[in-house]
C-alpha cells in the first residue's frame, strides 16, 4: 500500500552541528497514518533479537532489541559481536528508497533498534566501524515515541540535541562520525516504544 508523503516539504539545509560534520533533520517526512502503518509493521514483522556486546571480556545482553537487514548476507561487527544481514522486507525496501531519495545517497543495509520504553537508551558512541563507508551518509528513521537525540563533540565536548518525531528522518554525513559522538539518553518521561532504522553503506 502506498501512502501520501509530503512532496512539498523543503529539504532542510540547516546543519545542526556547528563544525566538524553535517547533520540535517528533515522532521516528519510522512503522514501520521503512514508512520503508524510502518510502526505496526516493524513491531510485528521484523526478526527482533536482544542486542549483545562483549566489553572487557564480559558478555552483556540488553533489553533493547536489534535486527540487521541488507542487500546480501553482510557481516557487521560492533561491540565485539558479529551479525549477519537478513533479506529485505517489502516495507524496509520502501523506507530505504524514501531515505535514499531524501539523502541523495545509496544504502545497502539497515540496522534496526527497538526501545520498549524510555528506560532503554544508547550510550555515547560513533558509527565509525571499519565495515562502514568512511564519511558516508547514515539515514536515521524514527517511529513511535518521540525521543531526544544528542551529539557531543569528541574534543570540545559541545553538545547539540534534537527531538526525533514519529515518522521523521535525520541524516548524518561527512566527518560527523569522526568528530562527534551521539546517544539516545534514557528518560522516565516516555512509556511508549520507539523503533529506529539506520540505513548504512557497507564496504569491503
C-alpha atoms as a PDB file:
ATOM      1  CA  UNK A   1       0.000   0.000   0.000  1.00  0.00           C
ATOM      2  CA  UNK A   2       1.311   3.456  -0.918  1.00  0.00           C
ATOM      3  CA  UNK A   3       0.798   6.343   1.479  1.00  0.00           C
ATOM      4  CA  UNK A   4       0.876  10.040   0.765  1.00  0.00           C
ATOM      5  CA  UNK A   5       4.072  11.717   1.885  1.00  0.00           C
ATOM      6  CA  UNK A   6       4.785  15.433   1.935  1.00  0.00           C
ATOM      7  CA  UNK A   7       6.214  16.212  -1.520  1.00  0.00           C
ATOM      8  CA  UNK A   8       6.120  19.968  -0.919  1.00  0.00           C
ATOM      9  CA  UNK A   9       8.211  19.759   2.251  1.00  0.00           C
ATOM     10  CA  UNK A  10      11.527  21.547   1.539  1.00  0.00           C
ATOM     11  CA  UNK A  11      14.788  19.693   2.020  1.00  0.00           C
ATOM     12  CA  UNK A  12      16.416  21.234   5.103  1.00  0.00           C
ATOM     13  CA  UNK A  13      19.726  22.997   4.607  1.00  0.00           C
ATOM     14  CA  UNK A  14      20.425  23.896   8.234  1.00  0.00           C
ATOM     15  CA  UNK A  15      23.350  21.939   9.647  1.00  0.00           C
ATOM     16  CA  UNK A  16      22.628  21.116  13.299  1.00  0.00           C
ATOM     17  CA  UNK A  17      26.350  20.803  14.053  1.00  0.00           C
ATOM     18  CA  UNK A  18      28.444  23.979  14.494  1.00  0.00           C
ATOM     19  CA  UNK A  19      31.523  22.379  12.875  1.00  0.00           C
ATOM     20  CA  UNK A  20      33.238  19.096  12.098  1.00  0.00           C
ATOM     21  CA  UNK A  21      30.328  17.289  10.493  1.00  0.00           C
ATOM     22  CA  UNK A  22      26.916  17.583   8.856  1.00  0.00           C
ATOM     23  CA  UNK A  23      23.541  16.637  10.353  1.00  0.00           C
ATOM     24  CA  UNK A  24      20.248  17.527   8.659  1.00  0.00           C
ATOM     25  CA  UNK A  25      16.930  16.950  10.404  1.00  0.00           C
ATOM     26  CA  UNK A  26      14.062  16.642   7.920  1.00  0.00           C
ATOM     27  CA  UNK A  27      11.365  16.346  10.580  1.00  0.00           C
ATOM     28  CA  UNK A  28       8.290  14.262   9.759  1.00  0.00           C
ATOM     29  CA  UNK A  29       8.569  13.046   6.168  1.00  0.00           C
ATOM     30  CA  UNK A  30       5.263  11.153   6.004  1.00  0.00           C
ATOM     31  CA  UNK A  31       1.700  11.400   7.239  1.00  0.00           C
ATOM     32  CA  UNK A  32       0.814  10.106  10.698  1.00  0.00           C
ATOM     33  CA  UNK A  33      -1.232   7.354   9.013  1.00  0.00           C
ATOM     34  CA  UNK A  34       1.792   6.161   7.061  1.00  0.00           C
ATOM     35  CA  UNK A  35       4.029   6.368  10.135  1.00  0.00           C
ATOM     36  CA  UNK A  36       1.515   4.341  12.175  1.00  0.00           C
ATOM     37  CA  UNK A  37       1.383   1.712   9.420  1.00  0.00           C
ATOM     38  CA  UNK A  38       5.158   1.315   9.314  1.00  0.00           C
ATOM     39  CA  UNK A  39       5.472   1.240  13.105  1.00  0.00           C
ATOM     40  CA  UNK A  40       2.924  -1.584  13.350  1.00  0.00           C
ATOM     41  CA  UNK A  41       4.654  -3.499  10.578  1.00  0.00           C
ATOM     42  CA  UNK A  42       8.112  -3.067  12.093  1.00  0.00           C
ATOM     43  CA  UNK A  43       6.986  -4.134  15.556  1.00  0.00           C
ATOM     44  CA  UNK A  44       5.364  -7.330  14.288  1.00  0.00           C
ATOM     45  CA  UNK A  45       7.254  -8.415  11.169  1.00  0.00           C
ATOM     46  CA  UNK A  46      10.924  -7.787  11.981  1.00  0.00           C
ATOM     47  CA  UNK A  47      13.059 -10.629  13.383  1.00  0.00           C
ATOM     48  CA  UNK A  48      13.975  -8.845  16.598  1.00  0.00           C
ATOM     49  CA  UNK A  49      16.654 -10.213  18.939  1.00  0.00           C
ATOM     50  CA  UNK A  50      18.109  -8.831  22.146  1.00  0.00           C
ATOM     51  CA  UNK A  51      21.324  -6.959  21.435  1.00  0.00           C
ATOM     52  CA  UNK A  52      24.611  -8.356  22.714  1.00  0.00           C
ATOM     53  CA  UNK A  53      28.019  -6.887  23.495  1.00  0.00           C
ATOM     54  CA  UNK A  54      31.346  -8.134  24.793  1.00  0.00           C
ATOM     55  CA  UNK A  55      33.061  -5.479  26.902  1.00  0.00           C
ATOM     56  CA  UNK A  56      36.226  -6.201  28.870  1.00  0.00           C
ATOM     57  CA  UNK A  57      35.640  -9.919  28.182  1.00  0.00           C
ATOM     58  CA  UNK A  58      32.191  -9.795  29.778  1.00  0.00           C
ATOM     59  CA  UNK A  59      29.126 -10.787  27.738  1.00  0.00           C
ATOM     60  CA  UNK A  60      26.136  -8.452  28.073  1.00  0.00           C
ATOM     61  CA  UNK A  61      22.569  -8.890  26.756  1.00  0.00           C
ATOM     62  CA  UNK A  62      20.436  -5.747  26.569  1.00  0.00           C
ATOM     63  CA  UNK A  63      16.697  -5.263  26.924  1.00  0.00           C
ATOM     64  CA  UNK A  64      16.858  -3.277  23.705  1.00  0.00           C
ATOM     65  CA  UNK A  65      16.314  -5.443  20.633  1.00  0.00           C
ATOM     66  CA  UNK A  66      18.017  -5.183  17.249  1.00  0.00           C
ATOM     67  CA  UNK A  67      17.813  -6.553  13.704  1.00  0.00           C
ATOM     68  CA  UNK A  68      20.118  -6.334  10.690  1.00  0.00           C
ATOM     69  CA  UNK A  69      18.949  -6.395   7.059  1.00  0.00           C
ATOM     70  CA  UNK A  70      20.759  -5.879   3.767  1.00  0.00           C
ATOM     71  CA  UNK A  71      21.269  -6.457   0.047  1.00  0.00           C
ATOM     72  CA  UNK A  72      23.255  -9.623   0.813  1.00  0.00           C
ATOM     73  CA  UNK A  73      24.096 -11.529   3.993  1.00  0.00           C
ATOM     74  CA  UNK A  74      26.650  -8.907   5.027  1.00  0.00           C
ATOM     75  CA  UNK A  75      28.521  -9.439   8.264  1.00  0.00           C
ATOM     76  CA  UNK A  76      28.601  -6.382  10.510  1.00  0.00           C
ATOM     77  CA  UNK A  77      30.651  -6.217  13.714  1.00  0.00           C
ATOM     78  CA  UNK A  78      30.367  -3.840  16.663  1.00  0.00           C
ATOM     79  CA  UNK A  79      30.930  -4.243  20.422  1.00  0.00           C
ATOM     80  CA  UNK A  80      32.855  -7.435  19.559  1.00  0.00           C
ATOM     81  CA  UNK A  81      29.698  -9.091  18.218  1.00  0.00           C
ATOM     82  CA  UNK A  82      29.169 -10.029  14.553  1.00  0.00           C
ATOM     83  CA  UNK A  83      25.745 -10.001  12.911  1.00  0.00           C
ATOM     84  CA  UNK A  84      24.677 -11.426   9.536  1.00  0.00           C
ATOM     85  CA  UNK A  85      22.145  -9.468   7.474  1.00  0.00           C
ATOM     86  CA  UNK A  86      18.680 -10.826   6.697  1.00  0.00           C
ATOM     87  CA  UNK A  87      16.948 -10.224   3.313  1.00  0.00           C
ATOM     88  CA  UNK A  88      14.911  -7.029   2.951  1.00  0.00           C
ATOM     89  CA  UNK A  89      11.193  -6.961   3.691  1.00  0.00           C
ATOM     90  CA  UNK A  90       8.871  -5.063   1.341  1.00  0.00           C
ATOM     91  CA  UNK A  91       8.364  -2.267   3.895  1.00  0.00           C
ATOM     92  CA  UNK A  92      12.085  -1.891   4.569  1.00  0.00           C
ATOM     93  CA  UNK A  93      12.750  -1.536   0.851  1.00  0.00           C
ATOM     94  CA  UNK A  94      10.087   1.179   0.652  1.00  0.00           C
ATOM     95  CA  UNK A  95      11.716   3.064   3.524  1.00  0.00           C
ATOM     96  CA  UNK A  96      15.189   2.570   2.034  1.00  0.00           C
ATOM     97  CA  UNK A  97      14.068   4.125  -1.251  1.00  0.00           C
ATOM     98  CA  UNK A  98      12.476   7.049   0.573  1.00  0.00           C
ATOM     99  CA  UNK A  99      15.641   7.631   2.626  1.00  0.00           C
ATOM    100  CA  UNK A 100      17.831   7.435  -0.475  1.00  0.00           C
ATOM    101  CA  UNK A 101      15.679   9.959  -2.329  1.00  0.00           C
ATOM    102  CA  UNK A 102      15.855  12.482   0.520  1.00  0.00           C
ATOM    103  CA  UNK A 103      19.537  11.990   1.310  1.00  0.00           C
ATOM    104  CA  UNK A 104      20.882  11.679  -2.262  1.00  0.00           C
ATOM    105  CA  UNK A 105      22.808   8.619  -1.060  1.00  0.00           C
ATOM    106  CA  UNK A 106      22.657   4.883  -1.740  1.00  0.00           C
ATOM    107  CA  UNK A 107      22.360   2.345   1.087  1.00  0.00           C
ATOM    108  CA  UNK A 108      22.848  -1.422   1.114  1.00  0.00           C
ATOM    109  CA  UNK A 109      21.946  -2.289   4.702  1.00  0.00           C
ATOM    110  CA  UNK A 110      19.932  -1.259   7.742  1.00  0.00           C
ATOM    111  CA  UNK A 111      20.424  -1.672  11.477  1.00  0.00           C
ATOM    112  CA  UNK A 112      17.146  -1.522  13.416  1.00  0.00           C
ATOM    113  CA  UNK A 113      16.735  -0.835  17.137  1.00  0.00           C
ATOM    114  CA  UNK A 114      13.631  -1.405  19.260  1.00  0.00           C
ATOM    115  CA  UNK A 115      13.404   0.574  22.507  1.00  0.00           C
ATOM    116  CA  UNK A 116      10.443  -0.710  24.527  1.00  0.00           C
ATOM    117  CA  UNK A 117      10.235   2.417  26.718  1.00  0.00           C
ATOM    118  CA  UNK A 118      12.191   5.478  27.782  1.00  0.00           C
ATOM    119  CA  UNK A 119      14.121   3.317  30.251  1.00  0.00           C
ATOM    120  CA  UNK A 120      16.080   1.924  27.307  1.00  0.00           C
ATOM    121  CA  UNK A 121      18.614   4.099  25.508  1.00  0.00           C
ATOM    122  CA  UNK A 122      22.019   4.128  23.868  1.00  0.00           C
ATOM    123  CA  UNK A 123      25.297   5.349  25.404  1.00  0.00           C
ATOM    124  CA  UNK A 124      27.681   7.807  23.732  1.00  0.00           C
ATOM    125  CA  UNK A 125      29.248   6.257  20.603  1.00  0.00           C
ATOM    126  CA  UNK A 126      30.054   6.939  16.959  1.00  0.00           C
ATOM    127  CA  UNK A 127      29.227   4.778  13.954  1.00  0.00           C
ATOM    128  CA  UNK A 128      32.778   4.500  12.653  1.00  0.00           C
ATOM    129  CA  UNK A 129      33.240   0.743  12.287  1.00  0.00           C
ATOM    130  CA  UNK A 130      35.694  -0.335   9.595  1.00  0.00           C
ATOM    131  CA  UNK A 131      32.874  -2.029   7.640  1.00  0.00           C
ATOM    132  CA  UNK A 132      31.094   1.297   7.037  1.00  0.00           C
ATOM    133  CA  UNK A 133      31.746   3.678   4.156  1.00  0.00           C
ATOM    134  CA  UNK A 134      34.026   6.360   5.601  1.00  0.00           C
ATOM    135  CA  UNK A 135      32.259   9.736   5.820  1.00  0.00           C
ATOM    136  CA  UNK A 136      29.249   8.188   4.119  1.00  0.00           C
ATOM    137  CA  UNK A 137      25.685   9.199   4.902  1.00  0.00           C
ATOM    138  CA  UNK A 138      23.633   7.403   7.552  1.00  0.00           C
ATOM    139  CA  UNK A 139      19.870   7.909   7.319  1.00  0.00           C
ATOM    140  CA  UNK A 140      18.052   7.537  10.631  1.00  0.00           C
ATOM    141  CA  UNK A 141      14.278   6.995  10.547  1.00  0.00           C
ATOM    142  CA  UNK A 142      12.263   7.142  13.785  1.00  0.00           C
ATOM    143  CA  UNK A 143       8.847   5.645  14.533  1.00  0.00           C
ATOM    144  CA  UNK A 144       6.832   5.633  17.742  1.00  0.00           C
ATOM    145  CA  UNK A 145       7.613   7.578  20.899  1.00  0.00           C
ATOM    146  CA  UNK A 146       9.362  10.928  20.474  1.00  0.00           C
ATOM    147  CA  UNK A 147      12.859  10.831  21.995  1.00  0.00           C
ATOM    148  CA  UNK A 148      15.689  13.308  22.453  1.00  0.00           C
ATOM    149  CA  UNK A 149      18.830  12.536  20.424  1.00  0.00           C
ATOM    150  CA  UNK A 150      22.122  14.183  21.406  1.00  0.00           C
ATOM    151  CA  UNK A 151      25.516  14.862  19.841  1.00  0.00           C
ATOM    152  CA  UNK A 152      28.769  15.606  21.710  1.00  0.00           C
ATOM    153  CA  UNK A 153      32.000  16.789  20.098  1.00  0.00           C
ATOM    154  CA  UNK A 154      34.878  14.458  20.931  1.00  0.00           C
ATOM    155  CA  UNK A 155      37.339  17.260  21.739  1.00  0.00           C
ATOM    156  CA  UNK A 156      35.413  20.384  22.729  1.00  0.00           C
ATOM    157  CA  UNK A 157      32.574  18.448  24.454  1.00  0.00           C
ATOM    158  CA  UNK A 158      29.988  20.797  22.866  1.00  0.00           C
ATOM    159  CA  UNK A 159      26.539  19.232  22.791  1.00  0.00           C
ATOM    160  CA  UNK A 160      23.604  19.539  20.404  1.00  0.00           C
ATOM    161  CA  UNK A 161      20.211  17.871  20.867  1.00  0.00           C
ATOM    162  CA  UNK A 162      17.128  17.349  18.703  1.00  0.00           C
ATOM    163  CA  UNK A 163      13.708  15.792  19.378  1.00  0.00           C
ATOM    164  CA  UNK A 164      13.091  12.944  16.930  1.00  0.00           C
ATOM    165  CA  UNK A 165       9.428  12.763  15.951  1.00  0.00           C
ATOM    166  CA  UNK A 166       7.252   9.861  14.813  1.00  0.00           C
ATOM    167  CA  UNK A 167       7.898   9.326  11.093  1.00  0.00           C
ATOM    168  CA  UNK A 168      10.935  11.632  10.978  1.00  0.00           C
ATOM    169  CA  UNK A 169      14.289  11.460   9.195  1.00  0.00           C
ATOM    170  CA  UNK A 170      17.746  12.542  10.401  1.00  0.00           C
ATOM    171  CA  UNK A 171      20.775  12.429   8.066  1.00  0.00           C
ATOM    172  CA  UNK A 172      24.341  12.232   9.438  1.00  0.00           C
ATOM    173  CA  UNK A 173      27.210  12.559   6.943  1.00  0.00           C
ATOM    174  CA  UNK A 174      30.686  13.893   6.140  1.00  0.00           C
ATOM    175  CA  UNK A 175      33.039  13.871   9.168  1.00  0.00           C
ATOM    176  CA  UNK A 176      30.244  13.560  11.760  1.00  0.00           C
ATOM    177  CA  UNK A 177      31.271  10.087  12.952  1.00  0.00           C
ATOM    178  CA  UNK A 178      34.957  11.098  13.112  1.00  0.00           C
ATOM    179  CA  UNK A 179      34.418  14.197  15.254  1.00  0.00           C
ATOM    180  CA  UNK A 180      31.150  13.652  17.122  1.00  0.00           C
ATOM    181  CA  UNK A 181      29.592  11.094  19.449  1.00  0.00           C
ATOM    182  CA  UNK A 182      25.840  10.590  19.663  1.00  0.00           C
ATOM    183  CA  UNK A 183      23.437   8.929  22.081  1.00  0.00           C
ATOM    184  CA  UNK A 184      19.794   8.299  22.915  1.00  0.00           C
ATOM    185  CA  UNK A 185      19.528   9.251  26.610  1.00  0.00           C
ATOM    186  CA  UNK A 186      17.131   7.230  28.768  1.00  0.00           C
ATOM    187  CA  UNK A 187      14.161   9.071  30.247  1.00  0.00           C
ATOM    188  CA  UNK A 188      11.411   8.333  32.746  1.00  0.00           C
ATOM    189  CA  UNK A 189       9.053  10.634  30.835  1.00  0.00           C
ATOM    190  CA  UNK A 190       8.475   8.220  27.928  1.00  0.00           C
ATOM    191  CA  UNK A 191       6.496   4.998  28.301  1.00  0.00           C
ATOM    192  CA  UNK A 192       5.882   4.093  24.650  1.00  0.00           C
ATOM    193  CA  UNK A 193       8.040   2.070  22.267  1.00  0.00           C
ATOM    194  CA  UNK A 194      10.335   3.571  19.628  1.00  0.00           C
ATOM    195  CA  UNK A 195      11.725   1.877  16.532  1.00  0.00           C
ATOM    196  CA  UNK A 196      14.793   3.376  14.856  1.00  0.00           C
ATOM    197  CA  UNK A 197      16.158   2.424  11.435  1.00  0.00           C
ATOM    198  CA  UNK A 198      19.663   3.472  10.396  1.00  0.00           C
ATOM    199  CA  UNK A 199      20.329   2.892   6.712  1.00  0.00           C
ATOM    200  CA  UNK A 200      24.051   2.464   6.024  1.00  0.00           C
ATOM    201  CA  UNK A 201      26.577   1.527   3.341  1.00  0.00           C
ATOM    202  CA  UNK A 202      28.788  -1.488   3.999  1.00  0.00           C
ATOM    203  CA  UNK A 203      32.054  -1.687   2.045  1.00  0.00           C
ATOM    204  CA  UNK A 204      34.690  -4.359   1.526  1.00  0.00           C
END
